[in-house]
Amino acid sequence: MVTGSGALTTSTPVLSDAVLVERIAALGDRAALAELDTRHGMTLYAIAYTLLLNPDAADVAVAATLREAWRRAASFIAREQTVGRWLAQLTRKAAQDQLRRSVMSPGGLLPRRTSVAPPSPRPPAREPSAHRARTSLRLTWVAAALVLPLILLT
């Protein structure tokens, strides 16, 4: 259907976050998990990045959060908290677990290189990879989240 402005409208209903979690629990709906990542991924990344101060480790924490959300979707109770708060708690726990592991391991948050050979040269990429583009966008959100409170205080 085309509206007066020429924009295409769809008749697909927008499901609430709680319904998406229910779909994950009941049906194992991967599309519902992907939609939660689309809606909350930037916020989860900002939480992880502020705790870890490492973009790669923050990506790992967000991935761990989504895996945990997949596993624990059936235990989510919408009356007790919002999906966003639940995901934020899972993200903080994943980031704290990474910090604990990094303190215990001598390599820190990033694995050490074990080979002494120089890395093989790669041809320069014409376009940034999807991961780097997503990370760059997430870092922009993190920077905005860190600066916004300072702007509001002045």
Protein backbone atom coordinates (compact mmCIF):
# COMPACT_ATOMS: atom_id res chain seq x y z
CA MET A 1 0.00 0.00 0.00
CA VAL A 2 1.36 3.42 -0.94
CA THR A 3 0.58 6.45 1.15
CA GLY A 4 0.32 10.03 -0.04
CA SER A 5 4.01 10.67 0.70
CA GLY A 6 5.04 7.76 -1.50
CA ALA A 7 6.30 5.71 1.44
CA LEU A 8 5.54 2.03 1.43
CA THR A 9 3.70 0.83 4.52
CA THR A 10 3.58 -2.76 5.61
CA SER A 11 0.88 -4.59 7.45
CA THR A 12 3.36 -6.53 9.59
CA PRO A 13 2.55 -5.84 13.24
CA VAL A 14 5.34 -4.70 15.52
CA LEU A 15 5.68 -7.25 18.30
CA SER A 16 6.55 -6.17 21.82
CA ASP A 17 9.83 -7.24 23.36
CA ALA A 18 8.01 -9.55 25.78
CA VAL A 19 6.24 -11.28 22.89
CA LEU A 20 9.59 -11.73 21.14
CA VAL A 21 11.00 -13.42 24.25
CA GLU A 22 7.91 -15.64 24.43
CA ARG A 23 8.45 -16.62 20.78
CA ILE A 24 12.07 -17.49 21.52
CA ALA A 25 11.02 -19.64 24.49
CA ALA A 26 8.09 -21.39 22.82
CA LEU A 27 9.19 -21.70 19.21
CA GLY A 28 12.95 -21.24 19.24
CA ASP A 29 12.36 -18.30 16.90
CA ARG A 30 15.76 -17.07 15.67
CA ALA A 31 14.14 -14.11 13.92
CA ALA A 32 12.76 -12.95 17.28
CA LEU A 33 16.27 -13.11 18.77
CA ALA A 34 17.63 -11.15 15.81
CA GLU A 35 14.91 -8.53 16.33
CA LEU A 36 15.89 -8.19 20.01
CA ASP A 37 19.49 -7.71 18.89
CA THR A 38 18.36 -5.04 16.43
CA ARG A 39 16.35 -3.22 19.10
CA HIS A 40 18.72 -3.54 22.06
CA GLY A 41 22.13 -4.38 20.58
CA MET A 42 23.53 -0.84 20.70
CA THR A 43 22.51 -0.37 24.32
CA LEU A 44 23.93 -3.75 25.30
CA TYR A 45 27.17 -2.93 23.50
CA ALA A 46 27.40 0.42 25.32
CA ILE A 47 26.95 -1.31 28.67
CA ALA A 48 29.60 -3.92 27.86
CA TYR A 49 32.02 -1.37 26.43
CA THR A 50 31.80 0.91 29.47
CA LEU A 51 32.72 -2.04 31.69
CA LEU A 52 35.37 -3.62 29.47
CA LEU A 53 36.80 -0.64 27.53
CA ASN A 54 37.58 -3.02 24.68
CA PRO A 55 35.48 -3.17 21.50
CA ASP A 56 36.22 -6.82 20.73
CA ALA A 57 35.50 -7.91 24.29
CA ALA A 58 32.27 -5.88 24.24
CA ASP A 59 31.18 -7.69 21.06
CA VAL A 60 31.90 -11.01 22.76
CA ALA A 61 29.87 -9.94 25.79
CA VAL A 62 26.88 -8.98 23.63
CA ALA A 63 27.07 -12.32 21.81
CA ALA A 64 27.22 -14.11 25.18
CA THR A 65 24.21 -12.09 26.33
CA LEU A 66 22.16 -13.14 23.33
CA ARG A 67 23.15 -16.79 23.80
CA GLU A 68 22.11 -16.57 27.45
CA ALA A 69 18.83 -14.86 26.51
CA TRP A 70 18.18 -17.74 24.10
CA ARG A 71 18.81 -20.28 26.86
CA ARG A 72 16.88 -18.47 29.59
CA ALA A 73 13.96 -17.08 27.58
CA ALA A 74 11.51 -19.50 29.21
CA SER A 75 12.43 -18.18 32.68
CA PHE A 76 11.75 -14.52 31.79
CA ILE A 77 8.75 -13.11 33.67
CA ALA A 78 7.40 -9.95 32.03
CA ARG A 79 5.54 -8.83 35.17
CA GLU A 80 8.79 -8.51 37.13
CA GLN A 81 10.94 -6.50 34.71
CA THR A 82 11.24 -5.22 31.18
CA VAL A 83 13.11 -7.11 28.49
CA GLY A 84 15.58 -4.25 28.21
CA ARG A 85 16.41 -4.41 31.91
CA TRP A 86 16.71 -8.20 31.75
CA LEU A 87 19.09 -8.01 28.79
CA ALA A 88 21.09 -5.26 30.51
CA GLN A 89 21.52 -7.50 33.59
CA LEU A 90 22.64 -10.38 31.39
CA THR A 91 25.11 -8.07 29.64
CA ARG A 92 26.59 -6.79 32.90
CA LYS A 93 27.00 -10.38 34.10
CA ALA A 94 28.67 -11.42 30.82
CA ALA A 95 31.05 -8.44 30.98
CA GLN A 96 31.87 -9.10 34.64
CA ASP A 97 32.55 -12.76 33.83
CA GLN A 98 34.95 -11.64 31.10
CA LEU A 99 36.69 -9.29 33.52
CA ARG A 100 37.06 -12.10 36.05
CA ARG A 101 38.50 -14.42 33.42
CA SER A 102 40.89 -11.71 32.21
CA VAL A 103 42.21 -11.20 35.74
CA MET A 104 42.77 -14.94 36.06
CA SER A 105 44.48 -15.34 32.68
CA PRO A 106 47.86 -13.77 31.90
CA GLY A 107 46.70 -12.63 28.44
CA GLY A 108 44.04 -10.21 29.59
CA LEU A 109 40.91 -9.59 27.54
CA LEU A 110 42.55 -10.42 24.22
CA PRO A 111 44.27 -13.72 23.50
CA ARG A 112 48.03 -13.65 23.11
CA ARG A 113 49.65 -14.54 19.83
CA THR A 114 51.46 -17.82 20.19
CA SER A 115 53.32 -17.92 16.87
CA VAL A 116 56.51 -15.97 16.29
CA ALA A 117 55.96 -15.76 12.55
CA PRO A 118 54.71 -12.41 11.28
CA PRO A 119 51.07 -12.34 10.28
CA SER A 120 50.41 -13.13 6.65
CA PRO A 121 49.77 -10.00 4.59
CA ARG A 122 46.22 -9.44 3.52
CA PRO A 123 45.16 -7.38 0.55
CA PRO A 124 43.53 -4.12 1.58
CA ALA A 125 39.79 -4.37 1.78
CA ARG A 126 37.76 -2.16 -0.49
CA GLU A 127 34.93 -1.82 2.00
CA PRO A 128 34.90 -2.23 5.77
CA SER A 129 33.54 -5.55 6.90
CA ALA A 130 30.07 -5.70 8.37
CA HIS A 131 31.59 -6.39 11.79
CA ARG A 132 33.84 -3.34 11.68
CA ALA A 133 31.02 -1.16 10.39
CA ARG A 134 28.75 -2.37 13.20
CA THR A 135 31.53 -1.85 15.75
CA SER A 136 32.16 1.65 14.45
CA LEU A 137 28.47 2.47 14.72
CA ARG A 138 28.35 1.00 18.23
CA LEU A 139 31.37 3.06 19.29
CA THR A 140 29.56 6.16 18.04
CA TRP A 141 26.63 5.26 20.28
CA VAL A 142 28.98 4.66 23.21
CA ALA A 143 30.60 8.04 22.70
CA ALA A 144 27.19 9.69 22.54
CA ALA A 145 26.08 7.87 25.70
CA LEU A 146 29.19 9.04 27.55
CA VAL A 147 29.00 12.66 26.38
CA LEU A 148 25.25 13.22 26.68
CA PRO A 149 25.17 13.35 30.52
CA LEU A 150 27.93 15.98 30.44
CA ILE A 151 25.95 18.08 27.99
CA LEU A 152 22.80 17.80 30.08
CA LEU A 153 24.64 18.87 33.25
CA THR A 154 25.89 22.13 31.73
